[in-house]
Amino acid sequence: MNDFGLYVIITKPQHLSYAEIAHKCVRHGVGMLQLREKHLSDRELIAAGNEIRRITRGTNTCFVINDRPDIAVICDADYLHLGQDDISIEEARRIVGDMKIGLSTHSLLQAREALTQNPAYIGFGPVFPTNAKAKPDAPVGTELLSEVVGFSHVPVVAIGGIFPDNMDRVTAAGARNVAMVRHLMQTADFDERVDEMTNLLNLT
């Protein structure tokens, strides 16, 4: 099982362009970079995806498209990420073939069910309260996170309300992969924050 550490999710960045974020992620060796922009038109999403793909291709930064298997194929993404309300992994396979697929989960039951579908990884959260989504799920907490990390045979990505001041609780629960949105999308100090979070992950 190969962990990938920091997982950056692009959602309405306030200070940087998609290209700037992609270049910085490649420069810092960020393992996973997801494009999650639900407000864009299909053409805008494809344009953004193609730009990110051009920058990340051939690097150690894997490119992930959220929700849209058709866009993932068009942009030649490394991964497709699906939520609980999206089409199933089996259905997505008819579009993306053998592309790697990650799946969001928000409870022990969902996590166990997700693992039967052989995803490349599962997201688990929100660990803490968050407003990164319009309709956030209830926080799962670090005890359940620890339990999921314990029984999962694929990487578990902790997500939701994670910041430097609570990262120690996340890593203490056994998480080795952490997704971040607000902390990285709402700052001009992207490089410094990526370094900080990477160092916090590497301390454990």
N, C-alpha and C. Protein backbone atom coordinates (compact mmCIF):
# COMPACT_ATOMS: atom_id res chain seq x y z
N MET A 1 0.86 -1.20 0.00
CA MET A 1 0.00 0.00 0.00
C MET A 1 0.89 1.24 0.00
N ASN A 2 0.78 2.03 -1.03
CA ASN A 2 1.63 3.21 -1.18
C ASN A 2 0.88 4.48 -0.77
N ASP A 3 1.31 5.08 0.33
CA ASP A 3 0.72 6.35 0.75
C ASP A 3 1.31 7.48 -0.08
N PHE A 4 0.57 8.59 -0.16
CA PHE A 4 1.05 9.70 -0.98
C PHE A 4 1.10 11.02 -0.24
N GLY A 5 0.79 11.05 1.05
CA GLY A 5 0.98 12.24 1.86
C GLY A 5 -0.05 13.32 1.62
N LEU A 6 0.42 14.50 1.22
CA LEU A 6 -0.47 15.63 1.05
C LEU A 6 -1.28 15.51 -0.24
N TYR A 7 -2.56 15.77 -0.12
CA TYR A 7 -3.51 15.67 -1.24
C TYR A 7 -4.17 17.04 -1.38
N VAL A 8 -3.80 17.77 -2.41
CA VAL A 8 -4.30 19.13 -2.61
C VAL A 8 -5.56 19.11 -3.47
N ILE A 9 -6.61 19.78 -3.00
CA ILE A 9 -7.86 19.86 -3.74
C ILE A 9 -8.09 21.30 -4.18
N ILE A 10 -8.18 21.50 -5.49
CA ILE A 10 -8.42 22.84 -6.02
C ILE A 10 -9.92 23.12 -6.03
N THR A 11 -10.33 24.08 -5.23
CA THR A 11 -11.71 24.55 -5.19
C THR A 11 -11.71 26.05 -5.01
N LYS A 12 -12.06 26.77 -6.05
CA LYS A 12 -12.16 28.23 -6.03
C LYS A 12 -10.94 28.89 -5.37
N PRO A 13 -9.75 28.70 -5.93
CA PRO A 13 -8.57 29.35 -5.36
C PRO A 13 -8.71 30.87 -5.43
N GLN A 14 -8.31 31.53 -4.35
CA GLN A 14 -8.52 32.97 -4.26
C GLN A 14 -7.33 33.81 -4.71
N HIS A 15 -6.15 33.22 -4.74
CA HIS A 15 -4.96 34.01 -5.02
C HIS A 15 -4.11 33.49 -6.17
N LEU A 16 -4.30 32.25 -6.57
CA LEU A 16 -3.44 31.63 -7.57
C LEU A 16 -4.27 31.04 -8.71
N SER A 17 -3.69 30.98 -9.88
CA SER A 17 -4.34 30.33 -11.02
C SER A 17 -4.16 28.82 -10.93
N TYR A 18 -4.92 28.10 -11.73
CA TYR A 18 -4.77 26.65 -11.76
C TYR A 18 -3.35 26.26 -12.16
N ALA A 19 -2.82 26.95 -13.15
CA ALA A 19 -1.46 26.64 -13.60
C ALA A 19 -0.44 26.90 -12.50
N GLU A 20 -0.58 28.00 -11.78
CA GLU A 20 0.36 28.31 -10.70
C GLU A 20 0.30 27.25 -9.61
N ILE A 21 -0.91 26.82 -9.26
CA ILE A 21 -1.05 25.78 -8.23
C ILE A 21 -0.41 24.48 -8.71
N ALA A 22 -0.66 24.12 -9.95
CA ALA A 22 -0.10 22.88 -10.49
C ALA A 22 1.43 22.93 -10.50
N HIS A 23 1.99 24.04 -10.96
CA HIS A 23 3.45 24.17 -10.97
C HIS A 23 4.03 24.06 -9.56
N LYS A 24 3.38 24.69 -8.61
CA LYS A 24 3.87 24.65 -7.23
C LYS A 24 3.76 23.24 -6.66
N CYS A 25 2.68 22.54 -6.95
CA CYS A 25 2.53 21.18 -6.45
C CYS A 25 3.61 20.27 -7.02
N VAL A 26 3.89 20.43 -8.30
CA VAL A 26 4.96 19.63 -8.92
C VAL A 26 6.30 19.96 -8.28
N ARG A 27 6.56 21.24 -8.07
CA ARG A 27 7.83 21.66 -7.49
C ARG A 27 8.01 21.12 -6.08
N HIS A 28 6.91 21.05 -5.32
CA HIS A 28 6.98 20.56 -3.94
C HIS A 28 6.83 19.04 -3.84
N GLY A 29 6.61 18.38 -4.95
CA GLY A 29 6.45 16.93 -4.93
C GLY A 29 5.16 16.46 -4.30
N VAL A 30 4.10 17.27 -4.39
CA VAL A 30 2.78 16.87 -3.87
C VAL A 30 2.31 15.63 -4.61
N GLY A 31 1.85 14.63 -3.87
CA GLY A 31 1.49 13.36 -4.48
C GLY A 31 0.21 13.38 -5.29
N MET A 32 -0.80 14.12 -4.80
CA MET A 32 -2.11 14.10 -5.45
C MET A 32 -2.64 15.53 -5.57
N LEU A 33 -3.17 15.85 -6.76
CA LEU A 33 -3.75 17.16 -7.03
C LEU A 33 -5.10 16.94 -7.70
N GLN A 34 -6.17 17.32 -7.00
CA GLN A 34 -7.52 17.11 -7.53
C GLN A 34 -8.15 18.43 -7.97
N LEU A 35 -8.80 18.39 -9.12
CA LEU A 35 -9.58 19.52 -9.60
C LEU A 35 -11.04 19.26 -9.24
N ARG A 36 -11.56 20.08 -8.30
CA ARG A 36 -12.95 19.93 -7.85
C ARG A 36 -13.64 21.29 -7.99
N GLU A 37 -14.07 21.61 -9.19
CA GLU A 37 -14.69 22.89 -9.47
C GLU A 37 -16.09 22.68 -10.04
N LYS A 38 -17.07 22.63 -9.15
CA LYS A 38 -18.43 22.31 -9.56
C LYS A 38 -19.13 23.49 -10.24
N HIS A 39 -18.56 24.68 -10.14
CA HIS A 39 -19.21 25.86 -10.71
C HIS A 39 -18.80 26.13 -12.15
N LEU A 40 -17.83 25.41 -12.66
CA LEU A 40 -17.35 25.65 -14.02
C LEU A 40 -18.24 24.95 -15.05
N SER A 41 -18.32 25.53 -16.23
CA SER A 41 -18.98 24.85 -17.34
C SER A 41 -18.08 23.70 -17.79
N ASP A 42 -18.63 22.80 -18.60
CA ASP A 42 -17.83 21.68 -19.08
C ASP A 42 -16.61 22.16 -19.86
N ARG A 43 -16.79 23.15 -20.69
CA ARG A 43 -15.66 23.66 -21.47
C ARG A 43 -14.60 24.28 -20.58
N GLU A 44 -15.03 25.00 -19.55
CA GLU A 44 -14.07 25.59 -18.62
C GLU A 44 -13.34 24.51 -17.83
N LEU A 45 -14.08 23.49 -17.44
CA LEU A 45 -13.48 22.39 -16.67
C LEU A 45 -12.46 21.65 -17.51
N ILE A 46 -12.79 21.40 -18.76
CA ILE A 46 -11.85 20.71 -19.65
C ILE A 46 -10.61 21.56 -19.88
N ALA A 47 -10.80 22.86 -20.07
CA ALA A 47 -9.65 23.74 -20.28
C ALA A 47 -8.74 23.74 -19.07
N ALA A 48 -9.33 23.83 -17.88
CA ALA A 48 -8.54 23.80 -16.65
C ALA A 48 -7.85 22.46 -16.48
N GLY A 49 -8.59 21.38 -16.75
CA GLY A 49 -8.03 20.05 -16.62
C GLY A 49 -6.88 19.81 -17.57
N ASN A 50 -7.04 20.25 -18.81
CA ASN A 50 -5.96 20.08 -19.79
C ASN A 50 -4.71 20.85 -19.40
N GLU A 51 -4.91 22.03 -18.83
CA GLU A 51 -3.77 22.84 -18.40
C GLU A 51 -3.02 22.16 -17.26
N ILE A 52 -3.77 21.66 -16.28
CA ILE A 52 -3.15 20.96 -15.15
C ILE A 52 -2.47 19.68 -15.62
N ARG A 53 -3.12 18.97 -16.53
CA ARG A 53 -2.53 17.73 -17.04
C ARG A 53 -1.21 18.00 -17.75
N ARG A 54 -1.15 19.07 -18.53
CA ARG A 54 0.07 19.43 -19.25
C ARG A 54 1.23 19.65 -18.27
N ILE A 55 0.92 20.28 -17.14
CA ILE A 55 1.95 20.61 -16.16
C ILE A 55 2.37 19.40 -15.33
N THR A 56 1.42 18.54 -15.00
CA THR A 56 1.72 17.41 -14.11
C THR A 56 2.18 16.16 -14.85
N ARG A 57 1.95 16.10 -16.15
CA ARG A 57 2.32 14.90 -16.90
C ARG A 57 3.81 14.59 -16.74
N GLY A 58 4.09 13.33 -16.43
CA GLY A 58 5.48 12.90 -16.30
C GLY A 58 6.15 13.29 -15.00
N THR A 59 5.37 13.82 -14.05
CA THR A 59 5.92 14.20 -12.75
C THR A 59 5.43 13.25 -11.67
N ASN A 60 5.82 13.50 -10.43
CA ASN A 60 5.36 12.68 -9.31
C ASN A 60 4.02 13.14 -8.76
N THR A 61 3.44 14.18 -9.35
CA THR A 61 2.14 14.69 -8.91
C THR A 61 1.04 14.09 -9.77
N CYS A 62 0.22 13.23 -9.17
CA CYS A 62 -0.88 12.60 -9.90
C CYS A 62 -2.06 13.56 -10.00
N PHE A 63 -2.69 13.57 -11.14
CA PHE A 63 -3.81 14.48 -11.41
C PHE A 63 -5.13 13.73 -11.27
N VAL A 64 -6.02 14.31 -10.47
CA VAL A 64 -7.31 13.69 -10.16
C VAL A 64 -8.45 14.61 -10.62
N ILE A 65 -9.44 14.03 -11.29
CA ILE A 65 -10.65 14.76 -11.64
C ILE A 65 -11.78 14.30 -10.73
N ASN A 66 -12.51 15.24 -10.17
CA ASN A 66 -13.59 14.92 -9.25
C ASN A 66 -14.92 14.73 -10.01
N ASP A 67 -15.64 13.70 -9.65
CA ASP A 67 -17.04 13.47 -10.06
C ASP A 67 -17.26 13.05 -11.51
N ARG A 68 -16.46 13.54 -12.44
CA ARG A 68 -16.79 13.45 -13.86
C ARG A 68 -15.91 12.45 -14.61
N PRO A 69 -16.38 11.22 -14.79
CA PRO A 69 -15.59 10.24 -15.54
C PRO A 69 -15.34 10.66 -16.98
N ASP A 70 -16.30 11.35 -17.61
CA ASP A 70 -16.11 11.77 -19.00
C ASP A 70 -14.98 12.81 -19.10
N ILE A 71 -14.97 13.77 -18.16
CA ILE A 71 -13.91 14.78 -18.17
C ILE A 71 -12.57 14.14 -17.82
N ALA A 72 -12.57 13.17 -16.92
CA ALA A 72 -11.33 12.50 -16.55
C ALA A 72 -10.69 11.84 -17.77
N VAL A 73 -11.51 11.23 -18.62
CA VAL A 73 -10.99 10.59 -19.82
C VAL A 73 -10.49 11.64 -20.81
N ILE A 74 -11.28 12.68 -21.02
CA ILE A 74 -10.90 13.73 -21.97
C ILE A 74 -9.57 14.36 -21.58
N CYS A 75 -9.38 14.58 -20.27
CA CYS A 75 -8.16 15.24 -19.79
C CYS A 75 -7.03 14.26 -19.48
N ASP A 76 -7.29 12.97 -19.69
CA ASP A 76 -6.27 11.95 -19.44
C ASP A 76 -5.76 12.01 -18.01
N ALA A 77 -6.68 12.10 -17.07
CA ALA A 77 -6.32 12.17 -15.65
C ALA A 77 -5.73 10.84 -15.18
N ASP A 78 -4.98 10.91 -14.09
CA ASP A 78 -4.44 9.68 -13.49
C ASP A 78 -5.49 8.97 -12.65
N TYR A 79 -6.37 9.76 -12.03
CA TYR A 79 -7.40 9.22 -11.16
C TYR A 79 -8.73 9.91 -11.42
N LEU A 80 -9.81 9.20 -11.15
CA LEU A 80 -11.15 9.76 -11.02
C LEU A 80 -11.54 9.63 -9.56
N HIS A 81 -12.13 10.69 -9.00
CA HIS A 81 -12.62 10.62 -7.63
C HIS A 81 -14.14 10.70 -7.62
N LEU A 82 -14.78 9.78 -6.92
CA LEU A 82 -16.23 9.72 -6.86
C LEU A 82 -16.73 9.92 -5.44
N GLY A 83 -17.87 10.61 -5.32
CA GLY A 83 -18.54 10.79 -4.04
C GLY A 83 -19.65 9.78 -3.87
N GLN A 84 -20.28 9.80 -2.71
CA GLN A 84 -21.34 8.86 -2.42
C GLN A 84 -22.57 9.06 -3.30
N ASP A 85 -22.77 10.25 -3.81
CA ASP A 85 -23.93 10.54 -4.65
C ASP A 85 -23.62 10.44 -6.13
N ASP A 86 -22.39 10.10 -6.47
CA ASP A 86 -22.02 9.97 -7.88
C ASP A 86 -22.34 8.57 -8.39
N ILE A 87 -22.05 8.33 -9.66
CA ILE A 87 -22.26 6.99 -10.19
C ILE A 87 -21.32 6.02 -9.50
N SER A 88 -21.64 4.74 -9.58
CA SER A 88 -20.83 3.73 -8.90
C SER A 88 -19.51 3.52 -9.62
N ILE A 89 -18.57 2.91 -8.92
CA ILE A 89 -17.29 2.57 -9.54
C ILE A 89 -17.51 1.64 -10.73
N GLU A 90 -18.42 0.69 -10.59
CA GLU A 90 -18.70 -0.24 -11.69
C GLU A 90 -19.21 0.51 -12.92
N GLU A 91 -20.11 1.46 -12.71
CA GLU A 91 -20.62 2.25 -13.83
C GLU A 91 -19.54 3.13 -14.43
N ALA A 92 -18.72 3.73 -13.55
CA ALA A 92 -17.65 4.59 -14.03
C ALA A 92 -16.65 3.82 -14.88
N ARG A 93 -16.43 2.56 -14.54
CA ARG A 93 -15.47 1.74 -15.29
C ARG A 93 -15.86 1.63 -16.76
N ARG A 94 -17.14 1.72 -17.06
CA ARG A 94 -17.58 1.63 -18.45
C ARG A 94 -17.12 2.85 -19.26
N ILE A 95 -16.76 3.92 -18.54
CA ILE A 95 -16.31 5.14 -19.19
C ILE A 95 -14.79 5.28 -19.11
N VAL A 96 -14.23 5.03 -17.92
CA VAL A 96 -12.80 5.30 -17.70
C VAL A 96 -11.91 4.08 -17.85
N GLY A 97 -12.51 2.90 -18.04
CA GLY A 97 -11.69 1.70 -18.18
C GLY A 97 -10.94 1.37 -16.91
N ASP A 98 -9.61 1.19 -17.02
CA ASP A 98 -8.82 0.78 -15.86
C ASP A 98 -8.19 1.96 -15.12
N MET A 99 -8.68 3.18 -15.37
CA MET A 99 -8.19 4.33 -14.63
C MET A 99 -8.39 4.11 -13.13
N LYS A 100 -7.45 4.57 -12.32
CA LYS A 100 -7.59 4.44 -10.87
C LYS A 100 -8.73 5.31 -10.36
N ILE A 101 -9.47 4.79 -9.39
CA ILE A 101 -10.64 5.50 -8.87
C ILE A 101 -10.58 5.55 -7.35
N GLY A 102 -10.78 6.75 -6.80
CA GLY A 102 -10.90 6.94 -5.36
C GLY A 102 -12.35 7.20 -5.00
N LEU A 103 -12.71 6.93 -3.76
CA LEU A 103 -14.10 7.04 -3.35
C LEU A 103 -14.22 7.71 -1.99
N SER A 104 -15.09 8.71 -1.89
CA SER A 104 -15.34 9.38 -0.61
C SER A 104 -16.23 8.52 0.28
N THR A 105 -15.93 8.53 1.58
CA THR A 105 -16.78 7.84 2.55
C THR A 105 -16.94 8.72 3.79
N HIS A 106 -18.07 8.55 4.48
CA HIS A 106 -18.39 9.42 5.61
C HIS A 106 -18.84 8.65 6.85
N SER A 107 -18.68 7.33 6.84
CA SER A 107 -19.06 6.50 7.99
C SER A 107 -18.32 5.18 7.89
N LEU A 108 -18.32 4.42 8.99
CA LEU A 108 -17.68 3.11 8.96
C LEU A 108 -18.35 2.20 7.94
N LEU A 109 -19.68 2.25 7.87
CA LEU A 109 -20.42 1.42 6.94
C LEU A 109 -20.03 1.75 5.50
N GLN A 110 -19.98 3.04 5.18
CA GLN A 110 -19.60 3.44 3.83
C GLN A 110 -18.17 3.04 3.52
N ALA A 111 -17.30 3.16 4.49
CA ALA A 111 -15.89 2.79 4.27
C ALA A 111 -15.77 1.30 3.98
N ARG A 112 -16.44 0.48 4.76
CA ARG A 112 -16.38 -0.97 4.54
C ARG A 112 -16.97 -1.34 3.19
N GLU A 113 -18.10 -0.71 2.83
CA GLU A 113 -18.72 -0.99 1.55
C GLU A 113 -17.82 -0.54 0.40
N ALA A 114 -17.18 0.61 0.56
CA ALA A 114 -16.30 1.12 -0.48
C ALA A 114 -15.15 0.15 -0.76
N LEU A 115 -14.62 -0.44 0.29
CA LEU A 115 -13.47 -1.33 0.12
C LEU A 115 -13.82 -2.59 -0.66
N THR A 116 -15.10 -2.98 -0.67
CA THR A 116 -15.51 -4.14 -1.47
C THR A 116 -15.50 -3.84 -2.96
N GLN A 117 -15.42 -2.54 -3.31
CA GLN A 117 -15.45 -2.13 -4.71
C GLN A 117 -14.04 -1.94 -5.29
N ASN A 118 -13.03 -2.26 -4.49
CA ASN A 118 -11.64 -2.20 -4.92
C ASN A 118 -11.21 -0.82 -5.46
N PRO A 119 -11.42 0.22 -4.66
CA PRO A 119 -10.94 1.54 -5.08
C PRO A 119 -9.43 1.63 -4.91
N ALA A 120 -8.83 2.64 -5.54
CA ALA A 120 -7.39 2.85 -5.37
C ALA A 120 -7.09 3.43 -4.00
N TYR A 121 -8.04 4.21 -3.46
CA TYR A 121 -7.95 4.77 -2.12
C TYR A 121 -9.36 5.18 -1.70
N ILE A 122 -9.54 5.46 -0.42
CA ILE A 122 -10.81 6.01 0.04
C ILE A 122 -10.53 7.30 0.81
N GLY A 123 -11.41 8.27 0.64
CA GLY A 123 -11.38 9.46 1.47
C GLY A 123 -12.29 9.21 2.66
N PHE A 124 -11.92 9.73 3.83
CA PHE A 124 -12.77 9.55 5.01
C PHE A 124 -12.87 10.87 5.76
N GLY A 125 -14.11 11.31 5.96
CA GLY A 125 -14.31 12.57 6.65
C GLY A 125 -15.73 13.09 6.47
N PRO A 126 -15.99 14.30 6.87
CA PRO A 126 -15.00 15.24 7.39
C PRO A 126 -14.55 14.86 8.81
N VAL A 127 -13.26 14.91 9.03
CA VAL A 127 -12.75 14.57 10.36
C VAL A 127 -13.21 15.60 11.38
N PHE A 128 -13.14 16.87 10.99
CA PHE A 128 -13.57 17.97 11.86
C PHE A 128 -14.64 18.79 11.12
N PRO A 129 -15.35 19.66 11.81
CA PRO A 129 -16.35 20.50 11.14
C PRO A 129 -15.73 21.30 10.01
N THR A 130 -16.46 21.43 8.91
CA THR A 130 -15.93 22.15 7.75
C THR A 130 -17.06 22.84 7.00
N ASN A 131 -16.71 23.92 6.32
CA ASN A 131 -17.67 24.57 5.44
C ASN A 131 -17.16 24.58 4.00
N ALA A 132 -16.24 23.67 3.69
CA ALA A 132 -15.68 23.61 2.34
C ALA A 132 -16.70 23.09 1.33
N LYS A 133 -17.77 22.48 1.83
CA LYS A 133 -18.85 22.02 0.95
C LYS A 133 -20.13 22.73 1.33
N ALA A 134 -21.03 22.88 0.34
CA ALA A 134 -22.30 23.56 0.59
C ALA A 134 -23.15 22.80 1.61
N LYS A 135 -23.10 21.46 1.54
CA LYS A 135 -23.85 20.62 2.47
C LYS A 135 -22.90 19.60 3.09
N PRO A 136 -22.11 20.02 4.06
CA PRO A 136 -21.12 19.11 4.65
C PRO A 136 -21.77 17.99 5.45
N ASP A 137 -21.09 16.84 5.46
CA ASP A 137 -21.53 15.73 6.29
C ASP A 137 -21.12 15.97 7.73
N ALA A 138 -21.71 15.21 8.64
CA ALA A 138 -21.37 15.34 10.06
C ALA A 138 -19.93 14.90 10.28
N PRO A 139 -19.19 15.57 11.16
CA PRO A 139 -17.80 15.18 11.45
C PRO A 139 -17.71 13.75 11.97
N VAL A 140 -16.70 13.02 11.51
CA VAL A 140 -16.52 11.64 11.93
C VAL A 140 -15.59 11.52 13.12
N GLY A 141 -14.71 12.50 13.33
CA GLY A 141 -13.79 12.45 14.46
C GLY A 141 -12.60 11.56 14.21
N THR A 142 -11.61 11.66 15.09
CA THR A 142 -10.36 10.92 14.89
C THR A 142 -10.44 9.46 15.34
N GLU A 143 -11.37 9.12 16.24
CA GLU A 143 -11.47 7.72 16.66
C GLU A 143 -11.95 6.85 15.51
N LEU A 144 -12.96 7.31 14.78
CA LEU A 144 -13.43 6.54 13.63
C LEU A 144 -12.39 6.55 12.53
N LEU A 145 -11.68 7.65 12.37
CA LEU A 145 -10.60 7.70 11.39
C LEU A 145 -9.57 6.62 11.68
N SER A 146 -9.19 6.50 12.95
CA SER A 146 -8.22 5.49 13.35
C SER A 146 -8.71 4.09 13.04
N GLU A 147 -10.00 3.86 13.26
CA GLU A 147 -10.57 2.54 12.99
C GLU A 147 -10.52 2.22 11.50
N VAL A 148 -10.87 3.20 10.67
CA VAL A 148 -10.85 2.97 9.23
C VAL A 148 -9.43 2.74 8.73
N VAL A 149 -8.49 3.53 9.21
CA VAL A 149 -7.08 3.33 8.83
C VAL A 149 -6.64 1.92 9.21
N GLY A 150 -7.16 1.43 10.33
CA GLY A 150 -6.77 0.11 10.81
C GLY A 150 -7.26 -1.04 9.95
N PHE A 151 -8.47 -0.91 9.38
CA PHE A 151 -8.98 -2.04 8.60
C PHE A 151 -8.86 -1.87 7.08
N SER A 152 -8.47 -0.71 6.63
CA SER A 152 -8.41 -0.49 5.19
C SER A 152 -7.15 -1.10 4.57
N HIS A 153 -7.34 -1.75 3.43
CA HIS A 153 -6.20 -2.32 2.70
C HIS A 153 -5.72 -1.39 1.58
N VAL A 154 -6.34 -0.20 1.48
CA VAL A 154 -5.89 0.82 0.53
C VAL A 154 -5.64 2.10 1.31
N PRO A 155 -4.90 3.05 0.74
CA PRO A 155 -4.65 4.31 1.45
C PRO A 155 -5.95 5.01 1.85
N VAL A 156 -5.95 5.58 3.04
CA VAL A 156 -7.08 6.35 3.55
C VAL A 156 -6.67 7.82 3.57
N VAL A 157 -7.47 8.66 2.93
CA VAL A 157 -7.19 10.10 2.90
C VAL A 157 -8.10 10.80 3.90
N ALA A 158 -7.51 11.34 4.95
CA ALA A 158 -8.28 12.11 5.93
C ALA A 158 -8.61 13.47 5.32
N ILE A 159 -9.85 13.92 5.49
CA ILE A 159 -10.26 15.18 4.89
C ILE A 159 -11.29 15.86 5.78
N GLY A 160 -11.29 17.20 5.74
CA GLY A 160 -12.35 17.94 6.42
C GLY A 160 -11.89 18.67 7.66
N GLY A 161 -11.76 19.99 7.55
CA GLY A 161 -11.45 20.80 8.72
C GLY A 161 -10.06 20.59 9.28
N ILE A 162 -9.14 20.12 8.46
CA ILE A 162 -7.78 19.84 8.93
C ILE A 162 -6.89 21.06 8.72
N PHE A 163 -6.22 21.47 9.79
CA PHE A 163 -5.32 22.63 9.79
C PHE A 163 -4.08 22.27 10.62
N PRO A 164 -3.05 23.10 10.59
CA PRO A 164 -1.84 22.78 11.36
C PRO A 164 -2.10 22.53 12.84
N ASP A 165 -3.07 23.26 13.42
CA ASP A 165 -3.27 23.13 14.86
C ASP A 165 -3.98 21.85 15.27
N ASN A 166 -4.53 21.09 14.33
CA ASN A 166 -5.13 19.80 14.71
C ASN A 166 -4.50 18.63 13.94
N MET A 167 -3.46 18.92 13.17
CA MET A 167 -2.81 17.86 12.39
C MET A 167 -2.25 16.76 13.27
N ASP A 168 -1.78 17.11 14.47
CA ASP A 168 -1.22 16.08 15.36
C ASP A 168 -2.26 15.04 15.73
N ARG A 169 -3.51 15.45 15.87
CA ARG A 169 -4.58 14.50 16.19
C ARG A 169 -4.87 13.57 15.01
N VAL A 170 -4.72 14.11 13.81
CA VAL A 170 -4.96 13.32 12.60
C VAL A 170 -3.86 12.27 12.41
N THR A 171 -2.62 12.70 12.56
CA THR A 171 -1.51 11.76 12.39
C THR A 171 -1.47 10.75 13.55
N ALA A 172 -1.88 11.18 14.75
CA ALA A 172 -1.93 10.25 15.88
C ALA A 172 -2.95 9.15 15.64
N ALA A 173 -3.97 9.45 14.82
CA ALA A 173 -4.98 8.45 14.48
C ALA A 173 -4.47 7.48 13.42
N GLY A 174 -3.26 7.71 12.93
CA GLY A 174 -2.65 6.80 11.95
C GLY A 174 -2.73 7.26 10.52
N ALA A 175 -3.34 8.42 10.28
CA ALA A 175 -3.47 8.91 8.91
C ALA A 175 -2.11 9.30 8.33
N ARG A 176 -1.85 8.87 7.12
CA ARG A 176 -0.62 9.22 6.43
C ARG A 176 -0.90 10.01 5.15
N ASN A 177 -2.18 10.20 4.88
CA ASN A 177 -2.60 10.96 3.71
C ASN A 177 -3.64 11.97 4.15
N VAL A 178 -3.43 13.24 3.82
CA VAL A 178 -4.31 14.30 4.29
C VAL A 178 -4.69 15.22 3.14
N ALA A 179 -5.99 15.40 2.93
CA ALA A 179 -6.48 16.30 1.89
C ALA A 179 -6.80 17.66 2.50
N MET A 180 -6.47 18.70 1.76
CA MET A 180 -6.71 20.05 2.24
C MET A 180 -7.33 20.91 1.15
N VAL A 181 -8.28 21.76 1.58
CA VAL A 181 -8.92 22.69 0.66
C VAL A 181 -8.68 24.12 1.14
N ARG A 182 -9.41 24.53 2.17
CA ARG A 182 -9.39 25.94 2.59
C ARG A 182 -8.00 26.45 2.95
N HIS A 183 -7.24 25.64 3.68
CA HIS A 183 -5.94 26.10 4.17
C HIS A 183 -5.00 26.46 3.02
N LEU A 184 -5.21 25.82 1.86
CA LEU A 184 -4.34 26.06 0.72
C LEU A 184 -4.96 26.93 -0.36
N MET A 185 -6.29 26.95 -0.42
CA MET A 185 -6.97 27.72 -1.47
C MET A 185 -7.22 29.16 -1.08
N GLN A 186 -7.14 29.47 0.19
CA GLN A 186 -7.49 30.82 0.64
C GLN A 186 -6.26 31.61 1.10
N THR A 187 -5.12 31.31 0.51
CA THR A 187 -3.90 31.99 0.93
C THR A 187 -3.00 32.30 -0.27
N ALA A 188 -2.22 33.34 -0.13
CA ALA A 188 -1.18 33.63 -1.12
C ALA A 188 0.13 32.94 -0.73
N ASP A 189 0.17 32.41 0.51
CA ASP A 189 1.37 31.74 1.02
C ASP A 189 1.31 30.24 0.79
N PHE A 190 0.96 29.86 -0.43
CA PHE A 190 0.77 28.45 -0.77
C PHE A 190 2.02 27.63 -0.50
N ASP A 191 3.17 28.12 -0.98
CA ASP A 191 4.41 27.36 -0.82
C ASP A 191 4.73 27.09 0.64
N GLU A 192 4.63 28.11 1.46
CA GLU A 192 4.94 27.97 2.88
C GLU A 192 4.00 26.97 3.56
N ARG A 193 2.73 27.04 3.20
CA ARG A 193 1.76 26.14 3.84
C ARG A 193 1.93 24.69 3.38
N VAL A 194 2.26 24.50 2.12
CA VAL A 194 2.53 23.14 1.64
C VAL A 194 3.75 22.57 2.37
N ASP A 195 4.80 23.36 2.49
CA ASP A 195 5.99 22.90 3.22
C ASP A 195 5.64 22.55 4.66
N GLU A 196 4.86 23.41 5.31
CA GLU A 196 4.48 23.18 6.69
C GLU A 196 3.70 21.89 6.86
N MET A 197 2.71 21.68 6.02
CA MET A 197 1.88 20.48 6.15
C MET A 197 2.67 19.23 5.79
N THR A 198 3.52 19.33 4.80
CA THR A 198 4.35 18.18 4.43
C THR A 198 5.28 17.79 5.57
N ASN A 199 5.87 18.80 6.20
CA ASN A 199 6.75 18.53 7.33
C ASN A 199 5.99 17.91 8.51
N LEU A 200 4.78 18.38 8.75
CA LEU A 200 3.98 17.81 9.83
C LEU A 200 3.63 16.35 9.55
N LEU A 201 3.36 16.04 8.31
CA LEU A 201 3.07 14.65 7.93
C LEU A 201 4.31 13.77 8.05
N ASN A 202 5.45 14.32 7.70
CA ASN A 202 6.68 13.54 7.71
C ASN A 202 7.26 13.34 9.10
N LEU A 203 6.74 14.07 10.09
CA LEU A 203 7.23 13.92 11.46
C LEU A 203 6.76 12.62 12.09
N THR A 204 5.76 11.98 11.49
CA THR A 204 5.17 10.79 12.12
C THR A 204 5.61 9.53 11.42
